[in-house]
Amino acid sequence: MRIITGKARGLHLNVPKNYDVRPTADRVKESLFNIIGSKIVDAAVLDLFAGSGNLGLESWSRGARLVQFVDNNRVSLRLTESNIQKCRAEAECKVLKHDAEAAVDLLYKQGQRFDLVFVDPPYNKGWVQKILVKLEKNPILAESGWLVAEHSMHDDIAIAVSDGYEIFRRQQYGETVLTFIRRKMPSQGLEDVSCNG
């Protein structure tokens, strides 16, 4: 597992020794960041279910100004912190030990807003749906922000997307799906939604 490009290009990150943490595969990560493109530059990023910190640190390497990592697992947090140190990214990175839903509540109350939110939880547990419900109540996603969910092809998250949000892109890589969600602008109707599969 490595940083693909940016200021830490080629740096190999510390990897989990068990299967409780499932890092995003390099090919999926590369495709994800190709889609995000220059949107990452100077962005505030929230990496929920941080695991090893893989997605957040790739964001930092590509120019994100702030990365907030959240995980509730001590092993994952130690792994994330060790990778932040390995990248020498402490100045721009924060780590929060919290349940993902409670973290959304807390970050909203603190007035924090994010340009990109990564949601990469354990597959088929309903976590993406729970986070989408939380975001409706506590909109920490900036008006022009994107939420990117990595989930199983068997995990139907469309049913949890409220009227205030829309799926605008969907990419599948074997069993893994990336779903891109944004806040719906008042002038946008359903006819504006474009999904690529």
N, C-alpha and C. Protein backbone atom coordinates (compact mmCIF):
# COMPACT_ATOMS: atom_id res chain seq x y z
N MET A 1 0.85 -1.18 0.00
CA MET A 1 0.00 0.00 0.00
C MET A 1 0.90 1.23 0.00
N ARG A 2 0.67 2.13 -0.97
CA ARG A 2 1.58 3.26 -1.13
C ARG A 2 0.81 4.53 -1.45
N ILE A 3 1.49 5.65 -1.27
CA ILE A 3 0.98 6.93 -1.75
C ILE A 3 1.25 6.98 -3.24
N ILE A 4 0.21 7.23 -4.04
CA ILE A 4 0.35 7.14 -5.49
C ILE A 4 1.05 8.34 -6.08
N THR A 5 0.67 9.54 -5.66
CA THR A 5 1.30 10.73 -6.23
C THR A 5 1.24 11.88 -5.24
N GLY A 6 1.89 12.98 -5.62
CA GLY A 6 1.93 14.15 -4.75
C GLY A 6 3.24 14.24 -3.99
N LYS A 7 3.22 15.00 -2.89
CA LYS A 7 4.48 15.27 -2.18
C LYS A 7 5.05 14.04 -1.46
N ALA A 8 4.24 13.03 -1.22
CA ALA A 8 4.74 11.80 -0.59
C ALA A 8 4.72 10.62 -1.58
N ARG A 9 4.77 10.93 -2.85
CA ARG A 9 4.66 9.91 -3.91
C ARG A 9 5.62 8.73 -3.67
N GLY A 10 5.05 7.53 -3.77
CA GLY A 10 5.84 6.30 -3.66
C GLY A 10 6.09 5.83 -2.24
N LEU A 11 5.71 6.62 -1.24
CA LEU A 11 5.94 6.22 0.15
C LEU A 11 5.04 5.04 0.50
N HIS A 12 5.63 3.98 1.04
CA HIS A 12 4.86 2.80 1.44
C HIS A 12 4.33 3.01 2.86
N LEU A 13 3.01 2.84 3.00
CA LEU A 13 2.37 3.01 4.29
C LEU A 13 2.40 1.71 5.08
N ASN A 14 2.33 1.84 6.41
CA ASN A 14 2.22 0.66 7.26
C ASN A 14 0.86 0.02 7.02
N VAL A 15 0.83 -1.29 6.96
CA VAL A 15 -0.40 -2.01 6.62
C VAL A 15 -0.89 -2.82 7.81
N PRO A 16 -2.20 -3.08 7.86
CA PRO A 16 -2.75 -3.86 8.98
C PRO A 16 -2.30 -5.32 8.93
N LYS A 17 -2.20 -5.92 10.11
CA LYS A 17 -1.78 -7.32 10.19
C LYS A 17 -2.97 -8.27 10.35
N ASN A 18 -4.17 -7.70 10.31
CA ASN A 18 -5.36 -8.55 10.42
C ASN A 18 -6.38 -8.08 9.41
N TYR A 19 -7.49 -8.78 9.33
CA TYR A 19 -8.50 -8.49 8.33
C TYR A 19 -9.64 -7.61 8.85
N ASP A 20 -9.46 -7.06 10.07
CA ASP A 20 -10.46 -6.12 10.57
C ASP A 20 -10.37 -4.79 9.83
N VAL A 21 -9.19 -4.52 9.28
CA VAL A 21 -8.97 -3.31 8.50
C VAL A 21 -8.77 -3.73 7.05
N ARG A 22 -9.57 -3.13 6.15
CA ARG A 22 -9.51 -3.49 4.73
C ARG A 22 -9.14 -2.25 3.92
N PRO A 23 -7.83 -2.04 3.67
CA PRO A 23 -7.43 -0.84 2.94
C PRO A 23 -7.99 -0.84 1.51
N THR A 24 -8.27 0.36 1.01
CA THR A 24 -8.70 0.50 -0.37
C THR A 24 -7.57 0.07 -1.30
N ALA A 25 -7.89 -0.80 -2.26
CA ALA A 25 -6.89 -1.29 -3.20
C ALA A 25 -6.31 -0.12 -4.01
N ASP A 26 -5.03 -0.22 -4.35
CA ASP A 26 -4.36 0.87 -5.07
C ASP A 26 -5.06 1.23 -6.37
N ARG A 27 -5.56 0.23 -7.10
CA ARG A 27 -6.18 0.54 -8.40
C ARG A 27 -7.50 1.29 -8.20
N VAL A 28 -8.24 0.94 -7.14
CA VAL A 28 -9.49 1.64 -6.84
C VAL A 28 -9.17 3.06 -6.36
N LYS A 29 -8.15 3.18 -5.52
CA LYS A 29 -7.75 4.49 -5.01
C LYS A 29 -7.29 5.40 -6.15
N GLU A 30 -6.53 4.86 -7.08
CA GLU A 30 -6.05 5.67 -8.20
C GLU A 30 -7.22 6.17 -9.04
N SER A 31 -8.19 5.30 -9.30
CA SER A 31 -9.36 5.70 -10.06
C SER A 31 -10.16 6.76 -9.31
N LEU A 32 -10.32 6.57 -8.01
CA LEU A 32 -11.05 7.52 -7.17
C LEU A 32 -10.45 8.91 -7.28
N PHE A 33 -9.13 9.01 -7.13
CA PHE A 33 -8.50 10.32 -7.15
C PHE A 33 -8.40 10.91 -8.55
N ASN A 34 -8.42 10.07 -9.56
CA ASN A 34 -8.51 10.59 -10.93
C ASN A 34 -9.85 11.29 -11.14
N ILE A 35 -10.91 10.73 -10.56
CA ILE A 35 -12.24 11.33 -10.67
C ILE A 35 -12.30 12.64 -9.88
N ILE A 36 -11.74 12.63 -8.67
CA ILE A 36 -11.76 13.83 -7.83
C ILE A 36 -10.93 14.95 -8.46
N GLY A 37 -9.79 14.59 -9.03
CA GLY A 37 -8.95 15.56 -9.73
C GLY A 37 -8.51 16.72 -8.86
N SER A 38 -8.57 17.93 -9.41
CA SER A 38 -8.07 19.12 -8.72
C SER A 38 -8.95 19.56 -7.56
N LYS A 39 -10.10 18.92 -7.39
CA LYS A 39 -11.00 19.26 -6.27
C LYS A 39 -10.30 19.02 -4.93
N ILE A 40 -9.30 18.16 -4.92
CA ILE A 40 -8.60 17.82 -3.69
C ILE A 40 -7.71 18.97 -3.21
N VAL A 41 -7.27 19.83 -4.12
CA VAL A 41 -6.33 20.88 -3.78
C VAL A 41 -6.97 21.89 -2.83
N ASP A 42 -6.33 22.10 -1.68
CA ASP A 42 -6.79 23.04 -0.65
C ASP A 42 -8.12 22.63 -0.02
N ALA A 43 -8.47 21.36 -0.12
CA ALA A 43 -9.75 20.88 0.43
C ALA A 43 -9.61 20.51 1.90
N ALA A 44 -10.73 20.61 2.61
CA ALA A 44 -10.86 20.04 3.95
C ALA A 44 -11.48 18.66 3.79
N VAL A 45 -10.80 17.64 4.29
CA VAL A 45 -11.18 16.25 4.04
C VAL A 45 -11.50 15.55 5.36
N LEU A 46 -12.60 14.78 5.34
CA LEU A 46 -12.96 13.94 6.48
C LEU A 46 -12.85 12.49 6.04
N ASP A 47 -12.02 11.73 6.74
CA ASP A 47 -11.82 10.31 6.45
C ASP A 47 -12.46 9.50 7.58
N LEU A 48 -13.74 9.18 7.40
CA LEU A 48 -14.44 8.34 8.38
C LEU A 48 -14.02 6.89 8.19
N PHE A 49 -14.04 6.11 9.27
CA PHE A 49 -13.58 4.72 9.21
C PHE A 49 -12.17 4.71 8.61
N ALA A 50 -11.28 5.50 9.21
CA ALA A 50 -9.97 5.78 8.61
C ALA A 50 -9.12 4.54 8.36
N GLY A 51 -9.26 3.52 9.23
CA GLY A 51 -8.48 2.30 9.02
C GLY A 51 -6.99 2.57 9.15
N SER A 52 -6.29 2.54 8.03
CA SER A 52 -4.85 2.80 8.01
C SER A 52 -4.53 4.26 7.69
N GLY A 53 -5.55 5.05 7.35
CA GLY A 53 -5.34 6.43 6.94
C GLY A 53 -5.02 6.57 5.47
N ASN A 54 -5.20 5.51 4.72
CA ASN A 54 -4.84 5.43 3.31
C ASN A 54 -5.44 6.55 2.46
N LEU A 55 -6.76 6.73 2.52
CA LEU A 55 -7.42 7.73 1.68
C LEU A 55 -7.09 9.16 2.13
N GLY A 56 -7.09 9.38 3.43
CA GLY A 56 -6.79 10.71 3.93
C GLY A 56 -5.38 11.15 3.62
N LEU A 57 -4.43 10.24 3.72
CA LEU A 57 -3.04 10.61 3.46
C LEU A 57 -2.78 10.79 1.96
N GLU A 58 -3.48 10.05 1.13
CA GLU A 58 -3.38 10.30 -0.31
C GLU A 58 -3.92 11.70 -0.61
N SER A 59 -4.99 12.09 0.08
CA SER A 59 -5.55 13.44 -0.07
C SER A 59 -4.53 14.50 0.34
N TRP A 60 -3.91 14.28 1.49
CA TRP A 60 -2.89 15.21 1.98
C TRP A 60 -1.75 15.34 0.98
N SER A 61 -1.28 14.21 0.48
CA SER A 61 -0.17 14.22 -0.48
C SER A 61 -0.50 15.01 -1.73
N ARG A 62 -1.79 14.99 -2.10
CA ARG A 62 -2.22 15.68 -3.33
C ARG A 62 -2.65 17.12 -3.10
N GLY A 63 -2.50 17.62 -1.88
CA GLY A 63 -2.71 19.04 -1.66
C GLY A 63 -3.86 19.44 -0.78
N ALA A 64 -4.52 18.49 -0.10
CA ALA A 64 -5.57 18.87 0.85
C ALA A 64 -4.95 19.70 1.98
N ARG A 65 -5.68 20.72 2.43
CA ARG A 65 -5.12 21.60 3.46
C ARG A 65 -5.33 21.05 4.87
N LEU A 66 -6.35 20.20 5.02
CA LEU A 66 -6.67 19.63 6.33
C LEU A 66 -7.29 18.25 6.14
N VAL A 67 -6.85 17.29 6.95
CA VAL A 67 -7.47 15.97 6.93
C VAL A 67 -7.84 15.58 8.36
N GLN A 68 -9.12 15.30 8.55
CA GLN A 68 -9.62 14.83 9.84
C GLN A 68 -9.90 13.33 9.73
N PHE A 69 -9.17 12.53 10.49
CA PHE A 69 -9.36 11.09 10.50
C PHE A 69 -10.26 10.71 11.68
N VAL A 70 -11.16 9.76 11.45
CA VAL A 70 -12.04 9.27 12.51
C VAL A 70 -12.06 7.75 12.47
N ASP A 71 -11.87 7.15 13.62
CA ASP A 71 -12.03 5.70 13.74
C ASP A 71 -12.30 5.40 15.22
N ASN A 72 -12.95 4.27 15.47
CA ASN A 72 -13.28 3.89 16.84
C ASN A 72 -12.45 2.70 17.32
N ASN A 73 -11.53 2.27 16.48
CA ASN A 73 -10.71 1.10 16.77
C ASN A 73 -9.29 1.55 17.13
N ARG A 74 -8.83 1.16 18.31
CA ARG A 74 -7.52 1.62 18.78
C ARG A 74 -6.39 1.17 17.85
N VAL A 75 -6.49 -0.05 17.34
CA VAL A 75 -5.45 -0.56 16.43
C VAL A 75 -5.41 0.28 15.16
N SER A 76 -6.59 0.58 14.62
CA SER A 76 -6.66 1.40 13.42
C SER A 76 -6.09 2.79 13.66
N LEU A 77 -6.41 3.37 14.82
CA LEU A 77 -5.92 4.71 15.12
C LEU A 77 -4.40 4.73 15.27
N ARG A 78 -3.85 3.70 15.90
CA ARG A 78 -2.38 3.63 16.01
C ARG A 78 -1.75 3.51 14.63
N LEU A 79 -2.39 2.72 13.77
CA LEU A 79 -1.90 2.54 12.41
C LEU A 79 -1.96 3.86 11.65
N THR A 80 -3.09 4.57 11.78
CA THR A 80 -3.23 5.87 11.13
C THR A 80 -2.18 6.85 11.63
N GLU A 81 -2.01 6.91 12.95
CA GLU A 81 -1.04 7.85 13.52
C GLU A 81 0.38 7.53 13.08
N SER A 82 0.71 6.24 12.98
CA SER A 82 2.06 5.87 12.53
C SER A 82 2.28 6.27 11.07
N ASN A 83 1.23 6.17 10.27
CA ASN A 83 1.35 6.56 8.86
C ASN A 83 1.42 8.08 8.69
N ILE A 84 0.69 8.82 9.53
CA ILE A 84 0.79 10.28 9.52
C ILE A 84 2.23 10.70 9.84
N GLN A 85 2.81 10.07 10.86
CA GLN A 85 4.19 10.37 11.24
C GLN A 85 5.16 10.00 10.12
N LYS A 86 4.90 8.88 9.48
CA LYS A 86 5.76 8.44 8.39
C LYS A 86 5.76 9.44 7.24
N CYS A 87 4.59 10.07 7.01
CA CYS A 87 4.46 11.09 5.96
C CYS A 87 4.91 12.47 6.43
N ARG A 88 5.15 12.61 7.74
CA ARG A 88 5.48 13.91 8.33
C ARG A 88 4.36 14.92 8.05
N ALA A 89 3.15 14.45 8.28
CA ALA A 89 1.96 15.25 7.95
C ALA A 89 1.20 15.72 9.18
N GLU A 90 1.87 15.70 10.34
CA GLU A 90 1.17 16.01 11.59
C GLU A 90 0.52 17.40 11.59
N ALA A 91 1.12 18.36 10.92
CA ALA A 91 0.62 19.74 10.97
C ALA A 91 -0.75 19.89 10.31
N GLU A 92 -1.04 19.05 9.32
CA GLU A 92 -2.29 19.18 8.58
C GLU A 92 -3.30 18.07 8.90
N CYS A 93 -2.94 17.17 9.80
CA CYS A 93 -3.80 16.00 10.08
C CYS A 93 -4.23 15.95 11.54
N LYS A 94 -5.50 15.60 11.75
CA LYS A 94 -6.05 15.43 13.10
C LYS A 94 -6.67 14.04 13.19
N VAL A 95 -6.57 13.44 14.37
CA VAL A 95 -7.12 12.09 14.58
C VAL A 95 -8.12 12.14 15.72
N LEU A 96 -9.29 11.57 15.49
CA LEU A 96 -10.36 11.56 16.48
C LEU A 96 -10.82 10.14 16.72
N LYS A 97 -10.73 9.70 17.99
CA LYS A 97 -11.25 8.38 18.34
C LYS A 97 -12.72 8.53 18.70
N HIS A 98 -13.57 8.06 17.79
CA HIS A 98 -15.00 8.24 17.97
C HIS A 98 -15.75 7.29 17.06
N ASP A 99 -16.94 6.92 17.49
CA ASP A 99 -17.88 6.25 16.61
C ASP A 99 -18.21 7.21 15.47
N ALA A 100 -18.37 6.69 14.25
CA ALA A 100 -18.56 7.54 13.07
C ALA A 100 -19.79 8.44 13.19
N GLU A 101 -20.91 7.87 13.63
CA GLU A 101 -22.13 8.68 13.76
C GLU A 101 -21.97 9.79 14.80
N ALA A 102 -21.38 9.45 15.94
CA ALA A 102 -21.16 10.44 16.99
C ALA A 102 -20.17 11.50 16.51
N ALA A 103 -19.21 11.10 15.69
CA ALA A 103 -18.22 12.05 15.16
C ALA A 103 -18.89 13.09 14.27
N VAL A 104 -19.84 12.67 13.46
CA VAL A 104 -20.57 13.61 12.61
C VAL A 104 -21.30 14.63 13.47
N ASP A 105 -21.94 14.17 14.54
CA ASP A 105 -22.62 15.08 15.48
C ASP A 105 -21.63 16.09 16.06
N LEU A 106 -20.51 15.58 16.55
CA LEU A 106 -19.52 16.43 17.21
C LEU A 106 -18.91 17.45 16.25
N LEU A 107 -18.51 17.01 15.08
CA LEU A 107 -17.87 17.90 14.11
C LEU A 107 -18.84 18.98 13.65
N TYR A 108 -20.11 18.62 13.52
CA TYR A 108 -21.12 19.62 13.14
C TYR A 108 -21.27 20.68 14.23
N LYS A 109 -21.34 20.22 15.49
CA LYS A 109 -21.47 21.16 16.61
C LYS A 109 -20.26 22.09 16.71
N GLN A 110 -19.10 21.58 16.29
CA GLN A 110 -17.88 22.39 16.30
C GLN A 110 -17.83 23.37 15.14
N GLY A 111 -18.80 23.27 14.23
CA GLY A 111 -18.84 24.18 13.09
C GLY A 111 -17.93 23.78 11.94
N GLN A 112 -17.45 22.55 11.96
CA GLN A 112 -16.55 22.11 10.89
C GLN A 112 -17.35 21.69 9.65
N ARG A 113 -16.82 22.02 8.49
CA ARG A 113 -17.43 21.65 7.21
C ARG A 113 -16.33 21.09 6.30
N PHE A 114 -16.71 20.13 5.49
CA PHE A 114 -15.71 19.41 4.69
C PHE A 114 -16.06 19.43 3.21
N ASP A 115 -15.03 19.59 2.39
CA ASP A 115 -15.19 19.58 0.93
C ASP A 115 -15.30 18.15 0.40
N LEU A 116 -14.65 17.24 1.10
CA LEU A 116 -14.69 15.82 0.72
C LEU A 116 -14.86 14.97 1.97
N VAL A 117 -15.79 14.03 1.91
CA VAL A 117 -16.00 13.08 3.01
C VAL A 117 -15.87 11.68 2.43
N PHE A 118 -14.91 10.92 2.96
CA PHE A 118 -14.74 9.53 2.55
C PHE A 118 -15.41 8.63 3.58
N VAL A 119 -16.26 7.73 3.11
CA VAL A 119 -16.93 6.76 3.98
C VAL A 119 -16.58 5.37 3.46
N ASP A 120 -15.71 4.68 4.18
CA ASP A 120 -15.21 3.37 3.74
C ASP A 120 -15.30 2.38 4.90
N PRO A 121 -16.54 2.03 5.29
CA PRO A 121 -16.73 1.17 6.46
C PRO A 121 -16.65 -0.31 6.10
N PRO A 122 -16.75 -1.19 7.10
CA PRO A 122 -16.91 -2.62 6.80
C PRO A 122 -18.11 -2.83 5.88
N TYR A 123 -17.97 -3.72 4.94
CA TYR A 123 -19.02 -3.93 3.93
C TYR A 123 -20.27 -4.56 4.53
N ASN A 124 -21.41 -4.22 3.92
CA ASN A 124 -22.70 -4.86 4.17
C ASN A 124 -23.17 -4.81 5.62
N LYS A 125 -22.81 -3.71 6.30
CA LYS A 125 -23.24 -3.54 7.70
C LYS A 125 -24.22 -2.39 7.85
N GLY A 126 -24.55 -1.72 6.73
CA GLY A 126 -25.49 -0.61 6.80
C GLY A 126 -24.88 0.70 7.24
N TRP A 127 -23.55 0.75 7.33
CA TRP A 127 -22.90 1.95 7.85
C TRP A 127 -23.05 3.16 6.93
N VAL A 128 -22.93 2.96 5.63
CA VAL A 128 -23.05 4.10 4.71
C VAL A 128 -24.43 4.73 4.85
N GLN A 129 -25.45 3.90 4.93
CA GLN A 129 -26.82 4.39 5.08
C GLN A 129 -26.96 5.20 6.37
N LYS A 130 -26.37 4.72 7.47
CA LYS A 130 -26.45 5.43 8.75
C LYS A 130 -25.77 6.80 8.66
N ILE A 131 -24.63 6.86 7.99
CA ILE A 131 -23.92 8.13 7.85
C ILE A 131 -24.72 9.10 6.99
N LEU A 132 -25.35 8.61 5.94
CA LEU A 132 -26.17 9.49 5.10
C LEU A 132 -27.33 10.10 5.89
N VAL A 133 -27.93 9.31 6.76
CA VAL A 133 -29.01 9.81 7.61
C VAL A 133 -28.46 10.89 8.55
N LYS A 134 -27.27 10.65 9.11
CA LYS A 134 -26.64 11.63 9.99
C LYS A 134 -26.35 12.94 9.26
N LEU A 135 -25.87 12.83 8.02
CA LEU A 135 -25.52 14.02 7.25
C LEU A 135 -26.75 14.88 6.93
N GLU A 136 -27.90 14.24 6.84
CA GLU A 136 -29.13 14.99 6.61
C GLU A 136 -29.45 15.86 7.83
N LYS A 137 -29.20 15.33 9.02
CA LYS A 137 -29.48 16.07 10.25
C LYS A 137 -28.36 17.04 10.59
N ASN A 138 -27.13 16.66 10.26
CA ASN A 138 -25.95 17.46 10.59
C ASN A 138 -25.11 17.65 9.33
N PRO A 139 -25.47 18.60 8.49
CA PRO A 139 -24.81 18.74 7.18
C PRO A 139 -23.40 19.30 7.26
N ILE A 140 -22.44 18.42 7.55
CA ILE A 140 -21.04 18.83 7.61
C ILE A 140 -20.41 18.87 6.22
N LEU A 141 -21.13 18.38 5.22
CA LEU A 141 -20.63 18.44 3.85
C LEU A 141 -20.87 19.85 3.31
N ALA A 142 -19.80 20.49 2.84
CA ALA A 142 -19.92 21.84 2.28
C ALA A 142 -20.89 21.84 1.11
N GLU A 143 -21.42 23.00 0.79
CA GLU A 143 -22.45 23.08 -0.27
C GLU A 143 -21.97 22.49 -1.58
N SER A 144 -20.71 22.70 -1.91
CA SER A 144 -20.17 22.15 -3.16
C SER A 144 -19.37 20.87 -2.92
N GLY A 145 -19.51 20.31 -1.71
CA GLY A 145 -18.72 19.14 -1.34
C GLY A 145 -19.23 17.84 -1.93
N TRP A 146 -18.36 16.84 -1.86
CA TRP A 146 -18.69 15.49 -2.32
C TRP A 146 -18.50 14.51 -1.18
N LEU A 147 -19.39 13.54 -1.10
CA LEU A 147 -19.19 12.37 -0.25
C LEU A 147 -18.89 11.19 -1.17
N VAL A 148 -17.83 10.46 -0.86
CA VAL A 148 -17.47 9.29 -1.65
C VAL A 148 -17.56 8.07 -0.75
N ALA A 149 -18.46 7.16 -1.09
CA ALA A 149 -18.66 5.95 -0.31
C ALA A 149 -18.08 4.76 -1.05
N GLU A 150 -17.27 3.99 -0.36
CA GLU A 150 -16.78 2.72 -0.91
C GLU A 150 -17.56 1.61 -0.23
N HIS A 151 -18.19 0.76 -1.03
CA HIS A 151 -19.05 -0.27 -0.44
C HIS A 151 -19.13 -1.48 -1.36
N SER A 152 -19.78 -2.52 -0.87
CA SER A 152 -19.99 -3.73 -1.65
C SER A 152 -21.08 -3.51 -2.70
N MET A 153 -20.96 -4.23 -3.80
CA MET A 153 -21.99 -4.17 -4.84
C MET A 153 -23.34 -4.66 -4.32
N HIS A 154 -23.33 -5.42 -3.21
CA HIS A 154 -24.57 -5.95 -2.63
C HIS A 154 -25.20 -4.98 -1.63
N ASP A 155 -24.53 -3.89 -1.37
CA ASP A 155 -24.98 -2.92 -0.37
C ASP A 155 -25.72 -1.79 -1.08
N ASP A 156 -27.04 -1.78 -0.99
CA ASP A 156 -27.85 -0.79 -1.70
C ASP A 156 -27.95 0.48 -0.86
N ILE A 157 -27.19 1.50 -1.25
CA ILE A 157 -27.20 2.73 -0.46
C ILE A 157 -28.14 3.78 -1.05
N ALA A 158 -28.62 3.55 -2.26
CA ALA A 158 -29.48 4.56 -2.92
C ALA A 158 -30.73 4.85 -2.10
N ILE A 159 -31.23 3.84 -1.40
CA ILE A 159 -32.46 4.03 -0.62
C ILE A 159 -32.27 5.00 0.54
N ALA A 160 -31.00 5.21 0.95
CA ALA A 160 -30.74 6.10 2.09
C ALA A 160 -30.44 7.53 1.65
N VAL A 161 -30.36 7.78 0.35
CA VAL A 161 -30.05 9.13 -0.14
C VAL A 161 -31.32 9.97 -0.08
N SER A 162 -31.31 10.98 0.76
CA SER A 162 -32.51 11.79 0.97
C SER A 162 -32.71 12.77 -0.17
N ASP A 163 -33.81 13.50 -0.12
CA ASP A 163 -34.13 14.48 -1.16
C ASP A 163 -33.09 15.59 -1.25
N GLY A 164 -32.35 15.81 -0.16
CA GLY A 164 -31.36 16.88 -0.17
C GLY A 164 -30.04 16.53 -0.83
N TYR A 165 -29.88 15.25 -1.19
CA TYR A 165 -28.64 14.77 -1.79
C TYR A 165 -28.94 14.00 -3.07
N GLU A 166 -27.89 13.79 -3.85
CA GLU A 166 -28.06 13.01 -5.08
C GLU A 166 -26.79 12.22 -5.38
N ILE A 167 -27.00 11.03 -5.95
CA ILE A 167 -25.89 10.25 -6.48
C ILE A 167 -25.62 10.77 -7.89
N PHE A 168 -24.38 11.18 -8.16
CA PHE A 168 -24.09 11.70 -9.49
C PHE A 168 -23.08 10.86 -10.25
N ARG A 169 -22.49 9.87 -9.57
CA ARG A 169 -21.58 8.97 -10.29
C ARG A 169 -21.43 7.68 -9.49
N ARG A 170 -21.26 6.59 -10.23
CA ARG A 170 -21.09 5.28 -9.59
C ARG A 170 -20.12 4.48 -10.43
N GLN A 171 -19.05 3.98 -9.80
CA GLN A 171 -18.04 3.20 -10.50
C GLN A 171 -17.91 1.85 -9.80
N GLN A 172 -17.85 0.79 -10.58
CA GLN A 172 -17.74 -0.55 -10.00
C GLN A 172 -16.43 -1.21 -10.40
N TYR A 173 -15.80 -1.86 -9.43
CA TYR A 173 -14.53 -2.57 -9.64
C TYR A 173 -14.68 -3.95 -9.00
N GLY A 174 -15.16 -4.92 -9.76
CA GLY A 174 -15.42 -6.23 -9.19
C GLY A 174 -16.52 -6.14 -8.15
N GLU A 175 -16.22 -6.55 -6.93
CA GLU A 175 -17.20 -6.50 -5.84
C GLU A 175 -17.31 -5.11 -5.20
N THR A 176 -16.35 -4.26 -5.49
CA THR A 176 -16.28 -2.94 -4.86
C THR A 176 -16.95 -1.88 -5.71
N VAL A 177 -17.71 -0.99 -5.06
CA VAL A 177 -18.37 0.11 -5.75
C VAL A 177 -17.97 1.43 -5.09
N LEU A 178 -17.69 2.43 -5.90
CA LEU A 178 -17.52 3.80 -5.41
C LEU A 178 -18.77 4.58 -5.81
N THR A 179 -19.44 5.16 -4.84
CA THR A 179 -20.62 5.98 -5.11
C THR A 179 -20.32 7.41 -4.71
N PHE A 180 -20.54 8.34 -5.62
CA PHE A 180 -20.26 9.76 -5.40
C PHE A 180 -21.58 10.49 -5.16
N ILE A 181 -21.65 11.20 -4.05
CA ILE A 181 -22.88 11.86 -3.63
C ILE A 181 -22.57 13.33 -3.35
N ARG A 182 -23.50 14.20 -3.72
CA ARG A 182 -23.34 15.62 -3.44
C ARG A 182 -24.67 16.20 -2.96
N ARG A 183 -24.59 17.37 -2.35
CA ARG A 183 -25.81 18.07 -1.95
C ARG A 183 -26.50 18.58 -3.20
N LYS A 184 -27.80 18.43 -3.23
CA LYS A 184 -28.58 18.86 -4.39
C LYS A 184 -28.83 20.36 -4.29
N MET A 185 -28.48 21.05 -5.35
CA MET A 185 -28.75 22.49 -5.39
C MET A 185 -30.25 22.71 -5.62
N PRO A 186 -30.82 23.79 -5.10
CA PRO A 186 -32.27 24.03 -5.24
C PRO A 186 -32.77 24.00 -6.68
N SER A 187 -31.91 24.41 -7.62
CA SER A 187 -32.34 24.49 -9.02
C SER A 187 -32.25 23.16 -9.74
N GLN A 188 -31.63 22.15 -9.08
CA GLN A 188 -31.43 20.87 -9.73
C GLN A 188 -32.62 19.95 -9.52
N GLY A 189 -33.00 19.29 -10.56
CA GLY A 189 -34.04 18.27 -10.48
C GLY A 189 -33.45 16.92 -10.76
N LEU A 190 -34.28 15.91 -10.71
CA LEU A 190 -33.80 14.55 -10.95
C LEU A 190 -33.25 14.38 -12.35
N GLU A 191 -33.74 15.22 -13.30
CA GLU A 191 -33.27 15.06 -14.66
C GLU A 191 -31.80 15.44 -14.83
N ASP A 192 -31.22 16.12 -13.81
CA ASP A 192 -29.83 16.55 -13.91
C ASP A 192 -28.86 15.47 -13.44
N VAL A 193 -29.36 14.44 -12.81
CA VAL A 193 -28.50 13.43 -12.23
C VAL A 193 -27.95 12.54 -13.34
N SER A 194 -26.62 12.39 -13.35
CA SER A 194 -26.01 11.49 -14.32
C SER A 194 -25.19 10.46 -13.59
N CYS A 195 -25.48 9.20 -13.84
CA CYS A 195 -24.76 8.11 -13.18
C CYS A 195 -23.98 7.33 -14.23
N ASN A 196 -22.72 7.09 -13.93
CA ASN A 196 -21.91 6.28 -14.83
C ASN A 196 -21.57 4.98 -14.12
N GLY A 197 -21.83 3.88 -14.78
CA GLY A 197 -21.54 2.60 -14.11
C GLY A 197 -20.51 1.84 -14.85
